[in-house]
Amino acid sequence: MLPIIHILNYLLPFLYILTFYVYYYDFMHENSSFNNAKRIFLFVTLFIHLIYLLIRTAEFNHPPITTKFEIFTVLAFTISFSYFLLELLTDIRGTGLFIIIFSVVFQIISSFYIQDLLVVKEVLRNRLLGLHVISALLGYSGFTIAAVHGVLFLILYKDIKLSKFGLIFNRLPSLETLEKLNFYSVIIGFILLTFSIIIGVIWLPGAFPDFSYYDPKLIATSIIWLIFGIGIATKVIAKWYGKKVIIFSLVGFVLAILSLIIPNIFAKSFHSFY
């Protein structure tokens, strides 16, 4: 089984690069023949990546969450998968290259540095933990995709104000569509993060009888969940639209990234398994 894992490991960067190139070529040249083909390329890449993750999990008897390089390959998958969901929901395909480039970078790093780990802490073999972590990564991937569309919105907004009608203006969707993509991505991220939190609430008491709800990561995640929940409610109830919605989502994304980094550096948490 190991040779298959290694083959897939080094095949994945090429698949993501190829998929990125197809999206890039279509963005630059707007070739109608590529419009449907690029989704097929993305689907095949994601399908092979899923097989790789499942084989790796079965072969080493633990979910691929034990090192940062395993996390990187999961991130590569979750970012592109979240975008794939968004593309299916909206049938808007003009922003894929700005998303898939993240998967390219994460998968290249992972493929070069990932190791075959047979000996890990027993807690890391728990399948429910794996589902908890992967759904959380899917949630944060949704917020990342929302941020990318937010930045694209601001770039296009600035170009329109300056009357610059170049490639960006011609190829990107409208401001209204970018706002919709931003909001849908936030919803996807929020739902998946909610799912992760529910799994955590079910799993934590049995895995860590002495855990505290005042754990820094739990508090940080709860705050991020609350911020994006308020953002969604405000958009729906108060009818927010345009630039203020985009700014809110970008601030939420920055806070989400800080919530992942700061507790790891400055606070002790039962989440620190390594």
Foldseek 3Di string as FASTA:
>chain_A
DVVVLLVLLVVLLVLLVVLLVLLVVCLVPVDPVSLVVSLVSLVVSLVSLVVSQVVLCVVLLFGQPQDVLSVLQLLLNLLSVLVSVLCVVPVDRLCNSLRSVSSSVSSVVSSVDPDRDNDFDPVRSDVLVNLLVSLLSSLLSLLVQLLSLLVLLVVLVVCVVVVNCDSSNVRDDDSQVSQVSSLVSLVRSLVSNVVSVVSCVVPVCVVPVPFDCVFLLNVLSVVLSVQSVVLNCCCVPVVDDDNVSSVSSNVSSVSNVCSVPVCVVPHDGPVPRD
